[in-house]
N, C-alpha and C. Protein backbone atom coordinates (compact mmCIF):
# COMPACT_ATOMS: atom_id res chain seq x y z
N MET A 1 -8.80 -21.85 9.66
CA MET A 1 -10.22 -21.60 9.46
C MET A 1 -10.61 -20.28 10.11
N ILE A 2 -11.24 -19.40 9.35
CA ILE A 2 -11.72 -18.12 9.86
C ILE A 2 -13.14 -18.30 10.37
N LEU A 3 -13.40 -17.78 11.56
CA LEU A 3 -14.69 -17.98 12.20
C LEU A 3 -15.72 -16.93 11.74
N THR A 4 -16.96 -17.36 11.62
CA THR A 4 -18.06 -16.46 11.29
C THR A 4 -18.67 -15.91 12.59
N ARG A 5 -19.63 -15.00 12.43
CA ARG A 5 -20.28 -14.42 13.61
C ARG A 5 -20.95 -15.49 14.46
N HIS A 6 -21.37 -16.60 13.85
CA HIS A 6 -22.05 -17.64 14.61
C HIS A 6 -21.09 -18.37 15.55
N GLU A 7 -19.88 -18.73 15.05
CA GLU A 7 -18.88 -19.37 15.91
C GLU A 7 -18.37 -18.38 16.98
N ILE A 8 -18.21 -17.13 16.59
CA ILE A 8 -17.76 -16.13 17.56
C ILE A 8 -18.77 -15.97 18.69
N SER A 9 -20.05 -15.91 18.32
CA SER A 9 -21.10 -15.78 19.33
C SER A 9 -21.12 -16.98 20.26
N ALA A 10 -20.90 -18.19 19.69
CA ALA A 10 -20.89 -19.41 20.52
C ALA A 10 -19.72 -19.39 21.50
N LEU A 11 -18.56 -18.90 21.06
CA LEU A 11 -17.40 -18.81 21.97
C LEU A 11 -17.66 -17.82 23.10
N ILE A 12 -18.31 -16.70 22.78
CA ILE A 12 -18.64 -15.72 23.81
C ILE A 12 -19.62 -16.31 24.82
N SER A 13 -20.62 -17.03 24.33
CA SER A 13 -21.60 -17.65 25.22
C SER A 13 -20.96 -18.68 26.13
N ALA A 14 -19.96 -19.40 25.60
CA ALA A 14 -19.25 -20.42 26.37
C ALA A 14 -18.14 -19.84 27.25
N LYS A 15 -17.98 -18.51 27.22
CA LYS A 15 -16.95 -17.80 27.99
C LYS A 15 -15.53 -18.22 27.61
N LYS A 16 -15.37 -18.68 26.37
CA LYS A 16 -14.04 -18.96 25.85
C LYS A 16 -13.46 -17.74 25.13
N LEU A 17 -14.29 -16.73 24.96
CA LEU A 17 -13.89 -15.45 24.37
C LEU A 17 -14.67 -14.36 25.10
N GLU A 18 -13.96 -13.34 25.57
CA GLU A 18 -14.63 -12.30 26.36
C GLU A 18 -14.18 -10.92 25.92
N PHE A 19 -15.13 -10.00 25.86
CA PHE A 19 -14.86 -8.59 25.61
C PHE A 19 -15.41 -7.79 26.79
N SER A 20 -14.60 -6.86 27.28
CA SER A 20 -15.04 -6.01 28.38
C SER A 20 -14.66 -4.55 28.08
N PRO A 21 -15.65 -3.67 27.88
CA PRO A 21 -17.09 -3.90 27.99
C PRO A 21 -17.60 -4.83 26.89
N PRO A 22 -18.80 -5.41 27.08
CA PRO A 22 -19.33 -6.34 26.08
C PRO A 22 -19.54 -5.66 24.73
N LEU A 23 -19.61 -6.47 23.69
CA LEU A 23 -19.83 -5.96 22.34
C LEU A 23 -21.24 -5.41 22.19
N ASP A 24 -21.38 -4.41 21.32
CA ASP A 24 -22.70 -3.90 20.95
C ASP A 24 -23.03 -4.34 19.53
N LYS A 25 -24.25 -4.10 19.10
CA LYS A 25 -24.72 -4.66 17.82
C LYS A 25 -23.99 -4.07 16.61
N TRP A 26 -23.41 -2.85 16.74
CA TRP A 26 -22.70 -2.25 15.61
C TRP A 26 -21.35 -2.92 15.37
N GLN A 27 -20.87 -3.67 16.34
CA GLN A 27 -19.56 -4.32 16.20
C GLN A 27 -19.66 -5.70 15.55
N ASP A 28 -20.85 -6.19 15.38
CA ASP A 28 -21.09 -7.53 14.86
C ASP A 28 -20.94 -7.54 13.34
N GLN A 29 -19.88 -8.23 12.85
CA GLN A 29 -19.63 -8.34 11.41
C GLN A 29 -19.72 -9.80 10.98
N PRO A 30 -19.90 -10.07 9.67
CA PRO A 30 -20.12 -11.45 9.22
C PRO A 30 -19.03 -12.43 9.65
N HIS A 31 -17.76 -12.01 9.57
CA HIS A 31 -16.67 -12.91 9.99
C HIS A 31 -15.55 -12.12 10.67
N ALA A 32 -15.96 -11.15 11.49
CA ALA A 32 -15.02 -10.34 12.27
C ALA A 32 -15.79 -9.60 13.35
N VAL A 33 -15.04 -8.95 14.21
CA VAL A 33 -15.62 -8.08 15.23
C VAL A 33 -14.92 -6.73 15.13
N ASP A 34 -15.69 -5.65 15.02
CA ASP A 34 -15.10 -4.32 15.05
C ASP A 34 -14.72 -3.97 16.48
N LEU A 35 -13.55 -3.35 16.65
CA LEU A 35 -13.10 -2.89 17.96
C LEU A 35 -13.17 -1.37 18.02
N ARG A 36 -13.48 -0.85 19.19
CA ARG A 36 -13.66 0.59 19.36
C ARG A 36 -12.40 1.24 19.94
N LEU A 37 -12.25 2.50 19.61
CA LEU A 37 -11.11 3.28 20.10
C LEU A 37 -11.30 3.61 21.57
N GLY A 38 -10.25 3.41 22.34
CA GLY A 38 -10.30 3.70 23.77
C GLY A 38 -10.03 5.16 24.08
N THR A 39 -9.71 5.44 25.33
CA THR A 39 -9.52 6.82 25.79
C THR A 39 -8.05 7.16 26.05
N ALA A 40 -7.15 6.17 25.93
CA ALA A 40 -5.73 6.41 26.18
C ALA A 40 -4.99 6.60 24.86
N PHE A 41 -4.26 7.70 24.75
CA PHE A 41 -3.50 8.02 23.55
C PHE A 41 -2.05 8.29 23.93
N TYR A 42 -1.13 7.87 23.08
CA TYR A 42 0.30 8.04 23.34
C TYR A 42 0.92 8.85 22.20
N LEU A 43 1.54 9.98 22.56
CA LEU A 43 2.19 10.86 21.59
C LEU A 43 3.70 10.72 21.71
N PRO A 44 4.39 10.48 20.59
CA PRO A 44 5.85 10.40 20.66
C PRO A 44 6.46 11.71 21.15
N LYS A 45 7.36 11.63 22.11
CA LYS A 45 8.09 12.80 22.57
C LYS A 45 9.25 13.09 21.61
N ILE A 46 9.62 14.35 21.51
CA ILE A 46 10.72 14.74 20.64
C ILE A 46 11.99 14.95 21.44
N TRP A 47 11.87 15.47 22.64
CA TRP A 47 13.05 15.78 23.43
C TRP A 47 12.77 15.59 24.92
N LYS A 48 13.85 15.59 25.70
CA LYS A 48 13.74 15.53 27.15
C LYS A 48 14.83 16.41 27.75
N LEU A 49 14.63 16.81 29.00
CA LEU A 49 15.62 17.60 29.73
C LEU A 49 16.33 16.67 30.70
N SER A 50 17.62 16.50 30.52
CA SER A 50 18.41 15.64 31.39
C SER A 50 19.46 16.47 32.10
N ASP A 51 20.30 15.81 32.92
CA ASP A 51 21.36 16.54 33.62
C ASP A 51 22.42 17.04 32.64
N ARG A 52 22.39 16.52 31.41
CA ARG A 52 23.34 16.97 30.39
C ARG A 52 22.78 18.13 29.56
N GLY A 53 21.47 18.37 29.68
CA GLY A 53 20.85 19.44 28.93
C GLY A 53 19.62 18.96 28.18
N ARG A 54 19.22 19.70 27.17
CA ARG A 54 18.07 19.33 26.34
C ARG A 54 18.53 18.35 25.29
N GLU A 55 18.01 17.10 25.37
CA GLU A 55 18.43 16.04 24.46
C GLU A 55 17.28 15.66 23.53
N VAL A 56 17.61 15.48 22.26
CA VAL A 56 16.64 14.94 21.31
C VAL A 56 16.54 13.44 21.57
N LEU A 57 15.31 12.93 21.66
CA LEU A 57 15.11 11.53 22.00
C LEU A 57 15.41 10.61 20.83
N ASN A 58 16.05 9.52 21.14
CA ASN A 58 16.31 8.46 20.15
C ASN A 58 15.52 7.22 20.55
N VAL A 59 14.92 6.56 19.58
CA VAL A 59 14.24 5.29 19.82
C VAL A 59 15.27 4.19 19.60
N ASP A 60 15.58 3.47 20.64
CA ASP A 60 16.68 2.50 20.64
C ASP A 60 16.12 1.15 21.07
N VAL A 61 16.29 0.13 20.22
CA VAL A 61 15.75 -1.19 20.52
C VAL A 61 16.38 -1.80 21.77
N THR A 62 17.54 -1.31 22.16
CA THR A 62 18.22 -1.87 23.32
C THR A 62 17.80 -1.22 24.63
N ARG A 63 16.90 -0.23 24.55
CA ARG A 63 16.42 0.44 25.76
C ARG A 63 14.90 0.40 25.80
N ASP A 64 14.35 0.54 26.99
CA ASP A 64 12.91 0.61 27.15
C ASP A 64 12.43 1.92 26.54
N ALA A 65 11.51 1.83 25.56
CA ALA A 65 11.05 3.03 24.86
C ALA A 65 9.82 3.65 25.51
N GLY A 66 9.42 3.16 26.67
CA GLY A 66 8.22 3.67 27.31
C GLY A 66 8.27 5.15 27.62
N ASP A 67 9.47 5.67 27.94
CA ASP A 67 9.61 7.08 28.26
C ASP A 67 9.57 7.97 27.02
N ASN A 68 9.52 7.38 25.85
CA ASN A 68 9.50 8.16 24.62
C ASN A 68 8.10 8.63 24.24
N PHE A 69 7.11 8.35 25.10
CA PHE A 69 5.74 8.73 24.80
C PHE A 69 5.15 9.54 25.94
N GLU A 70 4.30 10.47 25.58
CA GLU A 70 3.48 11.19 26.54
C GLU A 70 2.06 10.64 26.44
N LYS A 71 1.50 10.23 27.57
CA LYS A 71 0.16 9.66 27.57
C LYS A 71 -0.88 10.73 27.83
N ILE A 72 -1.94 10.70 27.03
CA ILE A 72 -3.08 11.60 27.21
C ILE A 72 -4.31 10.74 27.44
N GLU A 73 -5.05 11.03 28.48
CA GLU A 73 -6.28 10.29 28.79
C GLU A 73 -7.47 11.23 28.56
N LEU A 74 -8.33 10.85 27.62
CA LEU A 74 -9.53 11.63 27.34
C LEU A 74 -10.72 11.01 28.06
N VAL A 75 -11.83 11.70 28.03
CA VAL A 75 -13.09 11.17 28.54
C VAL A 75 -14.06 11.10 27.36
N PRO A 76 -15.04 10.19 27.41
CA PRO A 76 -16.01 10.09 26.32
C PRO A 76 -16.66 11.45 26.05
N GLY A 77 -16.76 11.79 24.77
CA GLY A 77 -17.29 13.08 24.35
C GLY A 77 -16.20 14.04 23.91
N GLN A 78 -14.97 13.84 24.40
CA GLN A 78 -13.84 14.60 23.91
C GLN A 78 -13.33 13.98 22.61
N PHE A 79 -12.50 14.73 21.88
CA PHE A 79 -11.95 14.20 20.64
C PHE A 79 -10.44 14.38 20.62
N PHE A 80 -9.81 13.73 19.66
CA PHE A 80 -8.36 13.81 19.48
C PHE A 80 -8.12 14.19 18.03
N GLU A 81 -7.37 15.27 17.81
CA GLU A 81 -7.06 15.71 16.45
C GLU A 81 -5.63 15.33 16.09
N LEU A 82 -5.50 14.66 14.94
CA LEU A 82 -4.18 14.30 14.42
C LEU A 82 -3.76 15.32 13.38
N ALA A 83 -2.59 15.92 13.58
CA ALA A 83 -2.05 16.86 12.62
C ALA A 83 -1.57 16.11 11.37
N PRO A 84 -1.46 16.80 10.23
CA PRO A 84 -0.96 16.15 9.02
C PRO A 84 0.39 15.47 9.27
N GLY A 85 0.50 14.21 8.88
CA GLY A 85 1.74 13.46 9.04
C GLY A 85 2.00 12.93 10.43
N GLU A 86 1.12 13.21 11.39
CA GLU A 86 1.35 12.80 12.78
C GLU A 86 1.04 11.31 12.98
N SER A 87 1.84 10.67 13.81
CA SER A 87 1.63 9.27 14.17
C SER A 87 1.51 9.16 15.68
N ILE A 88 0.57 8.35 16.14
CA ILE A 88 0.37 8.11 17.56
C ILE A 88 0.06 6.62 17.75
N ILE A 89 -0.02 6.21 19.00
CA ILE A 89 -0.61 4.92 19.30
C ILE A 89 -1.74 5.14 20.30
N ALA A 90 -2.73 4.26 20.27
CA ALA A 90 -3.89 4.39 21.13
C ALA A 90 -4.30 3.00 21.61
N SER A 91 -5.16 2.97 22.59
CA SER A 91 -5.65 1.69 23.11
C SER A 91 -7.04 1.40 22.55
N THR A 92 -7.39 0.13 22.57
CA THR A 92 -8.77 -0.24 22.29
C THR A 92 -9.63 0.07 23.50
N LEU A 93 -10.91 0.28 23.26
CA LEU A 93 -11.86 0.45 24.37
C LEU A 93 -12.05 -0.87 25.09
N GLU A 94 -12.07 -1.96 24.31
CA GLU A 94 -12.35 -3.28 24.88
C GLU A 94 -11.07 -3.98 25.35
N LYS A 95 -11.15 -4.57 26.51
CA LYS A 95 -10.18 -5.57 26.91
C LYS A 95 -10.66 -6.90 26.35
N ILE A 96 -9.74 -7.67 25.76
CA ILE A 96 -10.11 -8.94 25.14
C ILE A 96 -9.41 -10.07 25.86
N SER A 97 -10.10 -11.20 26.01
CA SER A 97 -9.53 -12.39 26.65
C SER A 97 -9.85 -13.59 25.80
N LEU A 98 -8.80 -14.28 25.32
CA LEU A 98 -8.95 -15.51 24.54
C LEU A 98 -8.66 -16.68 25.46
N ARG A 99 -9.65 -17.54 25.68
CA ARG A 99 -9.50 -18.61 26.67
C ARG A 99 -9.58 -20.01 26.07
N ALA A 100 -9.75 -20.10 24.76
CA ALA A 100 -9.78 -21.41 24.11
C ALA A 100 -8.36 -21.80 23.70
N ASP A 101 -8.03 -23.08 23.79
CA ASP A 101 -6.68 -23.54 23.48
C ASP A 101 -6.36 -23.48 21.99
N ASP A 102 -7.36 -23.32 21.15
CA ASP A 102 -7.14 -23.38 19.70
C ASP A 102 -7.59 -22.10 18.99
N LEU A 103 -7.55 -20.96 19.69
CA LEU A 103 -8.07 -19.72 19.15
C LEU A 103 -7.02 -18.61 19.16
N MET A 104 -6.88 -17.92 18.04
CA MET A 104 -6.02 -16.74 17.93
C MET A 104 -6.76 -15.67 17.13
N GLY A 105 -6.24 -14.45 17.13
CA GLY A 105 -6.86 -13.38 16.38
C GLY A 105 -5.85 -12.62 15.53
N VAL A 106 -6.34 -11.96 14.48
CA VAL A 106 -5.51 -11.11 13.63
C VAL A 106 -6.22 -9.77 13.47
N LEU A 107 -5.49 -8.68 13.66
CA LEU A 107 -6.07 -7.34 13.57
C LEU A 107 -5.93 -6.77 12.15
N TYR A 108 -6.99 -6.12 11.69
CA TYR A 108 -7.00 -5.47 10.38
C TYR A 108 -7.62 -4.08 10.51
N PRO A 109 -7.23 -3.15 9.62
CA PRO A 109 -7.90 -1.84 9.62
C PRO A 109 -9.29 -1.93 9.02
N ARG A 110 -10.14 -0.96 9.33
CA ARG A 110 -11.43 -0.82 8.66
C ARG A 110 -11.25 0.07 7.44
N SER A 111 -11.86 -0.31 6.33
CA SER A 111 -11.69 0.45 5.10
C SER A 111 -12.24 1.87 5.23
N SER A 112 -13.28 2.05 6.05
CA SER A 112 -13.85 3.39 6.22
C SER A 112 -12.87 4.32 6.92
N ILE A 113 -12.01 3.78 7.77
CA ILE A 113 -10.98 4.58 8.43
C ILE A 113 -9.92 5.02 7.40
N ASN A 114 -9.54 4.10 6.51
CA ASN A 114 -8.58 4.43 5.47
C ASN A 114 -9.09 5.55 4.57
N ARG A 115 -10.38 5.54 4.30
CA ARG A 115 -10.97 6.55 3.41
C ARG A 115 -10.95 7.95 4.01
N ARG A 116 -10.78 8.04 5.31
CA ARG A 116 -10.70 9.35 5.97
C ARG A 116 -9.29 9.92 5.93
N GLY A 117 -8.35 9.19 5.37
CA GLY A 117 -6.97 9.66 5.32
C GLY A 117 -6.11 9.14 6.44
N LEU A 118 -6.66 8.22 7.22
CA LEU A 118 -5.90 7.62 8.32
C LEU A 118 -5.34 6.28 7.90
N SER A 119 -4.16 5.99 8.35
CA SER A 119 -3.56 4.68 8.16
C SER A 119 -3.48 4.00 9.52
N VAL A 120 -4.22 2.92 9.68
CA VAL A 120 -4.16 2.12 10.90
C VAL A 120 -3.30 0.91 10.56
N ASP A 121 -2.03 0.98 10.94
CA ASP A 121 -1.04 0.01 10.45
C ASP A 121 -1.10 -1.27 11.27
N LEU A 122 -2.04 -2.12 10.93
CA LEU A 122 -2.27 -3.33 11.70
C LEU A 122 -2.04 -4.57 10.87
N THR A 123 -1.11 -5.36 11.30
CA THR A 123 -0.99 -6.74 10.85
C THR A 123 -0.73 -7.58 12.10
N GLY A 124 -1.27 -7.12 13.22
CA GLY A 124 -0.91 -7.69 14.51
C GLY A 124 -1.61 -9.00 14.81
N ILE A 125 -0.90 -9.89 15.45
CA ILE A 125 -1.44 -11.16 15.90
C ILE A 125 -1.82 -11.04 17.37
N VAL A 126 -3.00 -11.51 17.70
CA VAL A 126 -3.44 -11.61 19.09
C VAL A 126 -3.28 -13.08 19.48
N ASP A 127 -2.33 -13.34 20.34
CA ASP A 127 -1.94 -14.72 20.62
C ASP A 127 -3.02 -15.48 21.38
N ALA A 128 -3.00 -16.78 21.19
CA ALA A 128 -3.84 -17.66 21.99
C ALA A 128 -3.62 -17.38 23.47
N HIS A 129 -4.72 -17.33 24.23
CA HIS A 129 -4.71 -17.11 25.68
C HIS A 129 -4.32 -15.69 26.08
N TYR A 130 -4.20 -14.76 25.11
CA TYR A 130 -3.90 -13.37 25.48
C TYR A 130 -5.09 -12.77 26.22
N SER A 131 -4.79 -11.95 27.23
CA SER A 131 -5.81 -11.19 27.92
C SER A 131 -5.27 -9.79 28.18
N GLY A 132 -5.97 -8.76 27.70
CA GLY A 132 -5.53 -7.39 27.90
C GLY A 132 -6.09 -6.48 26.83
N PHE A 133 -5.70 -5.22 26.89
CA PHE A 133 -6.08 -4.26 25.87
C PHE A 133 -5.13 -4.39 24.68
N LEU A 134 -5.52 -3.82 23.55
CA LEU A 134 -4.72 -3.91 22.34
C LEU A 134 -4.25 -2.53 21.93
N MET A 135 -3.06 -2.48 21.32
CA MET A 135 -2.44 -1.24 20.89
C MET A 135 -2.76 -0.99 19.42
N ILE A 136 -3.19 0.25 19.10
CA ILE A 136 -3.56 0.62 17.75
C ILE A 136 -2.65 1.75 17.27
N PRO A 137 -1.76 1.51 16.27
CA PRO A 137 -0.96 2.61 15.72
C PRO A 137 -1.79 3.35 14.66
N ILE A 138 -1.83 4.68 14.77
CA ILE A 138 -2.65 5.49 13.88
C ILE A 138 -1.79 6.60 13.27
N HIS A 139 -1.89 6.76 11.96
CA HIS A 139 -1.08 7.75 11.24
C HIS A 139 -1.97 8.58 10.33
N ASN A 140 -1.86 9.90 10.43
CA ASN A 140 -2.54 10.81 9.49
C ASN A 140 -1.64 10.93 8.27
N ARG A 141 -2.02 10.26 7.19
CA ARG A 141 -1.16 10.22 6.01
C ARG A 141 -1.42 11.36 5.04
N THR A 142 -2.26 12.31 5.41
CA THR A 142 -2.48 13.46 4.54
C THR A 142 -1.39 14.51 4.77
N SER A 143 -1.26 15.42 3.83
CA SER A 143 -0.27 16.49 3.95
C SER A 143 -0.87 17.81 4.40
N SER A 144 -2.21 17.87 4.49
CA SER A 144 -2.81 19.16 4.79
C SER A 144 -4.05 19.09 5.68
N GLN A 145 -4.57 17.91 5.97
CA GLN A 145 -5.83 17.81 6.70
C GLN A 145 -5.62 17.42 8.16
N ILE A 146 -6.31 18.11 9.04
CA ILE A 146 -6.39 17.71 10.45
C ILE A 146 -7.56 16.74 10.56
N ILE A 147 -7.32 15.57 11.12
CA ILE A 147 -8.34 14.53 11.19
C ILE A 147 -8.72 14.30 12.65
N ARG A 148 -9.99 14.37 12.93
CA ARG A 148 -10.51 14.25 14.29
C ARG A 148 -11.05 12.85 14.52
N ILE A 149 -10.64 12.23 15.62
CA ILE A 149 -11.15 10.91 15.99
C ILE A 149 -11.73 10.99 17.40
N PHE A 150 -12.65 10.08 17.70
CA PHE A 150 -13.39 10.12 18.95
C PHE A 150 -13.24 8.80 19.70
N PRO A 151 -12.96 8.83 21.01
CA PRO A 151 -13.05 7.60 21.80
C PRO A 151 -14.42 6.96 21.61
N GLY A 152 -14.41 5.67 21.38
CA GLY A 152 -15.66 4.93 21.18
C GLY A 152 -15.96 4.62 19.73
N GLU A 153 -15.33 5.32 18.79
CA GLU A 153 -15.63 5.00 17.39
C GLU A 153 -14.95 3.69 16.99
N ARG A 154 -15.54 3.00 16.02
CA ARG A 154 -14.97 1.74 15.54
C ARG A 154 -13.73 2.05 14.71
N ILE A 155 -12.60 1.48 15.13
CA ILE A 155 -11.31 1.86 14.55
C ILE A 155 -10.64 0.74 13.77
N CYS A 156 -10.89 -0.52 14.15
CA CYS A 156 -10.25 -1.64 13.47
C CYS A 156 -11.13 -2.87 13.67
N GLN A 157 -10.70 -4.00 13.13
CA GLN A 157 -11.47 -5.24 13.29
C GLN A 157 -10.53 -6.40 13.61
N ILE A 158 -11.08 -7.36 14.32
CA ILE A 158 -10.32 -8.55 14.66
C ILE A 158 -10.99 -9.76 14.03
N VAL A 159 -10.17 -10.55 13.35
CA VAL A 159 -10.61 -11.80 12.72
C VAL A 159 -10.07 -12.95 13.56
N PHE A 160 -10.92 -13.91 13.86
CA PHE A 160 -10.51 -15.05 14.69
C PHE A 160 -10.27 -16.28 13.82
N GLN A 161 -9.21 -17.00 14.17
CA GLN A 161 -8.83 -18.20 13.43
C GLN A 161 -8.60 -19.35 14.40
N LYS A 162 -8.87 -20.56 13.92
CA LYS A 162 -8.62 -21.78 14.69
C LYS A 162 -7.20 -22.27 14.41
N LEU A 163 -6.51 -22.69 15.47
CA LEU A 163 -5.19 -23.29 15.32
C LEU A 163 -5.31 -24.74 14.89
N ALA A 164 -4.26 -25.25 14.28
CA ALA A 164 -4.27 -26.64 13.81
C ALA A 164 -4.32 -27.62 14.98
N SER A 165 -3.79 -27.23 16.12
CA SER A 165 -3.85 -28.07 17.32
C SER A 165 -3.92 -27.18 18.54
N ASP A 166 -4.31 -27.76 19.66
CA ASP A 166 -4.45 -26.99 20.89
C ASP A 166 -3.09 -26.49 21.39
N LEU A 167 -3.12 -25.34 22.02
CA LEU A 167 -1.92 -24.74 22.59
C LEU A 167 -2.25 -24.36 24.02
N GLN A 168 -1.60 -25.00 24.98
CA GLN A 168 -1.86 -24.71 26.38
C GLN A 168 -1.35 -23.32 26.74
N LYS A 169 -1.94 -22.73 27.78
CA LYS A 169 -1.63 -21.35 28.13
C LYS A 169 -0.15 -21.16 28.42
N ILE A 170 0.48 -22.08 29.15
CA ILE A 170 1.89 -21.93 29.51
C ILE A 170 2.77 -21.89 28.26
N ASP A 171 2.35 -22.61 27.22
CA ASP A 171 3.09 -22.64 25.95
C ASP A 171 2.79 -21.38 25.13
N ALA A 172 1.54 -20.97 25.13
CA ALA A 172 1.14 -19.81 24.34
C ALA A 172 1.79 -18.52 24.83
N LEU A 173 2.06 -18.43 26.13
CA LEU A 173 2.60 -17.20 26.70
C LEU A 173 4.13 -17.20 26.73
N ARG A 174 4.75 -18.19 26.11
CA ARG A 174 6.21 -18.17 25.96
C ARG A 174 6.53 -17.68 24.55
N HIS A 175 7.16 -16.53 24.45
CA HIS A 175 7.53 -15.94 23.16
C HIS A 175 9.04 -15.99 23.01
N GLY A 176 9.50 -16.87 22.13
CA GLY A 176 10.93 -17.08 22.03
C GLY A 176 11.44 -17.69 23.32
N ALA A 177 12.41 -17.03 23.93
CA ALA A 177 12.97 -17.53 25.19
C ALA A 177 12.44 -16.78 26.40
N SER A 178 11.42 -15.95 26.19
CA SER A 178 10.94 -15.08 27.26
C SER A 178 9.43 -15.16 27.40
N PRO A 179 8.89 -14.74 28.55
CA PRO A 179 7.44 -14.64 28.68
C PRO A 179 6.89 -13.53 27.78
N ALA A 180 5.62 -13.64 27.42
CA ALA A 180 4.97 -12.61 26.60
C ALA A 180 5.05 -11.26 27.30
N LYS A 181 5.53 -10.24 26.58
CA LYS A 181 5.80 -8.94 27.21
C LYS A 181 4.53 -8.17 27.56
N TYR A 182 3.48 -8.35 26.77
CA TYR A 182 2.30 -7.49 26.92
C TYR A 182 1.09 -8.23 27.46
N GLU A 183 1.27 -9.44 27.92
CA GLU A 183 0.16 -10.18 28.52
C GLU A 183 -0.40 -9.42 29.71
N GLY A 184 -1.71 -9.25 29.72
CA GLY A 184 -2.37 -8.56 30.80
C GLY A 184 -2.25 -7.04 30.75
N ALA A 185 -1.85 -6.50 29.60
CA ALA A 185 -1.61 -5.06 29.49
C ALA A 185 -2.87 -4.25 29.73
N ALA A 186 -2.76 -3.25 30.60
CA ALA A 186 -3.84 -2.29 30.78
C ALA A 186 -3.75 -1.23 29.70
N ALA A 187 -4.79 -0.41 29.59
CA ALA A 187 -4.82 0.61 28.54
C ALA A 187 -3.69 1.62 28.68
N ASP A 188 -3.15 1.78 29.89
CA ASP A 188 -2.05 2.73 30.10
C ASP A 188 -0.70 2.03 30.21
N GLU A 189 -0.62 0.79 29.68
CA GLU A 189 0.63 0.03 29.72
C GLU A 189 1.01 -0.51 28.35
N LEU A 190 0.73 0.26 27.31
CA LEU A 190 0.91 -0.23 25.95
C LEU A 190 2.17 0.31 25.28
N CYS A 191 2.99 1.05 26.01
CA CYS A 191 4.23 1.55 25.43
C CYS A 191 5.20 0.40 25.16
N SER A 192 6.19 0.68 24.34
CA SER A 192 7.15 -0.34 23.95
C SER A 192 7.95 -0.84 25.15
N LYS A 193 8.19 -2.15 25.16
CA LYS A 193 9.04 -2.76 26.17
C LYS A 193 10.18 -3.47 25.46
N LYS A 194 11.37 -3.40 26.05
CA LYS A 194 12.52 -3.99 25.38
C LYS A 194 12.53 -5.50 25.52
N ASP A 195 13.30 -6.14 24.64
CA ASP A 195 13.41 -7.59 24.65
C ASP A 195 14.35 -8.04 25.78
N ALA A 196 14.57 -9.36 25.86
CA ALA A 196 15.37 -9.93 26.94
C ALA A 196 16.78 -9.36 26.94
N GLU A 197 17.32 -9.15 28.15
CA GLU A 197 18.65 -8.56 28.30
C GLU A 197 19.72 -9.40 27.60
N THR A 198 19.58 -10.73 27.64
CA THR A 198 20.58 -11.59 27.00
C THR A 198 20.63 -11.34 25.51
N GLU A 199 19.46 -11.29 24.88
CA GLU A 199 19.41 -11.04 23.44
C GLU A 199 19.93 -9.64 23.11
N ILE A 200 19.54 -8.64 23.92
CA ILE A 200 20.00 -7.27 23.71
C ILE A 200 21.53 -7.19 23.81
N GLY A 201 22.10 -7.96 24.73
CA GLY A 201 23.55 -7.97 24.90
C GLY A 201 24.27 -8.40 23.63
N PHE A 202 23.76 -9.43 22.97
CA PHE A 202 24.36 -9.87 21.72
C PHE A 202 24.25 -8.80 20.64
N LEU A 203 23.12 -8.11 20.59
CA LEU A 203 22.93 -7.06 19.58
C LEU A 203 23.89 -5.90 19.81
N LYS A 204 24.03 -5.46 21.05
CA LYS A 204 24.87 -4.31 21.35
C LYS A 204 26.35 -4.61 21.10
N SER A 205 26.74 -5.86 21.31
CA SER A 205 28.14 -6.22 21.10
C SER A 205 28.43 -6.61 19.65
N GLY A 206 27.37 -6.77 18.85
CA GLY A 206 27.56 -7.18 17.46
C GLY A 206 27.88 -8.65 17.31
N ASP A 207 27.66 -9.43 18.36
CA ASP A 207 28.00 -10.86 18.33
C ASP A 207 26.83 -11.67 17.77
N LEU A 208 26.60 -11.56 16.48
CA LEU A 208 25.50 -12.30 15.87
C LEU A 208 25.79 -13.80 15.81
N ASP A 209 27.07 -14.17 15.71
CA ASP A 209 27.41 -15.59 15.74
C ASP A 209 27.06 -16.19 17.10
N GLY A 210 27.36 -15.46 18.16
CA GLY A 210 27.01 -15.93 19.50
C GLY A 210 25.51 -16.01 19.68
N LEU A 211 24.79 -15.06 19.12
CA LEU A 211 23.33 -15.07 19.18
C LEU A 211 22.75 -16.32 18.55
N LYS A 212 23.30 -16.68 17.38
CA LYS A 212 22.75 -17.81 16.64
C LYS A 212 23.20 -19.16 17.19
N LYS A 213 24.07 -19.16 18.19
CA LYS A 213 24.43 -20.42 18.83
C LYS A 213 23.33 -20.89 19.79
N HIS A 214 22.43 -19.99 20.13
CA HIS A 214 21.29 -20.38 20.98
C HIS A 214 20.19 -20.93 20.08
N LEU A 215 20.31 -22.20 19.74
CA LEU A 215 19.49 -22.79 18.69
C LEU A 215 18.05 -22.97 19.11
N TYR A 216 17.19 -23.01 18.13
CA TYR A 216 15.74 -23.21 18.29
C TYR A 216 15.47 -24.58 18.86
């Protein structure tokens, strides 16, 4: 069941759903909430200087990718320009906290953002009991236009859904065999984090049969 603005407002009043800073009237949609762009932006790095020399960076699922980004912190009133074809990630302005046992969220792009030539690649799930900022991937899909975005502008929307049954916090924050990686994430902690070392070990060795022996 997708919640309307009336159910969303009731959850906020009951403190089962919280936004910090609080929502303003422009964010109120019939069955969603618009989220605003924050001030933290992450640009993919191309190279690094190591003791071996100048190395081109590789994004590797078996390593922590946090060092593959350069973080830029803007202040309100400044802007961020995306070059043609450029991809970045950014934070939401709002920290969100889901405190109901039967509540989850799904992120979607705003159509007005798409019309500007930006692709906000969101099919993200906001898990029950999640508390923290959200990561927004943004891509300038034009071949010739520089697109300017501003901290504070409405960038995406979150739709809230009811779960079929309650999910306690300890259960909601277990993802596979590990704790949720991004629970409690601050706006400057949204870079990629690697999966559990045990799972990574199976991938690096090519032992997919051994991996699948750890049954559900």
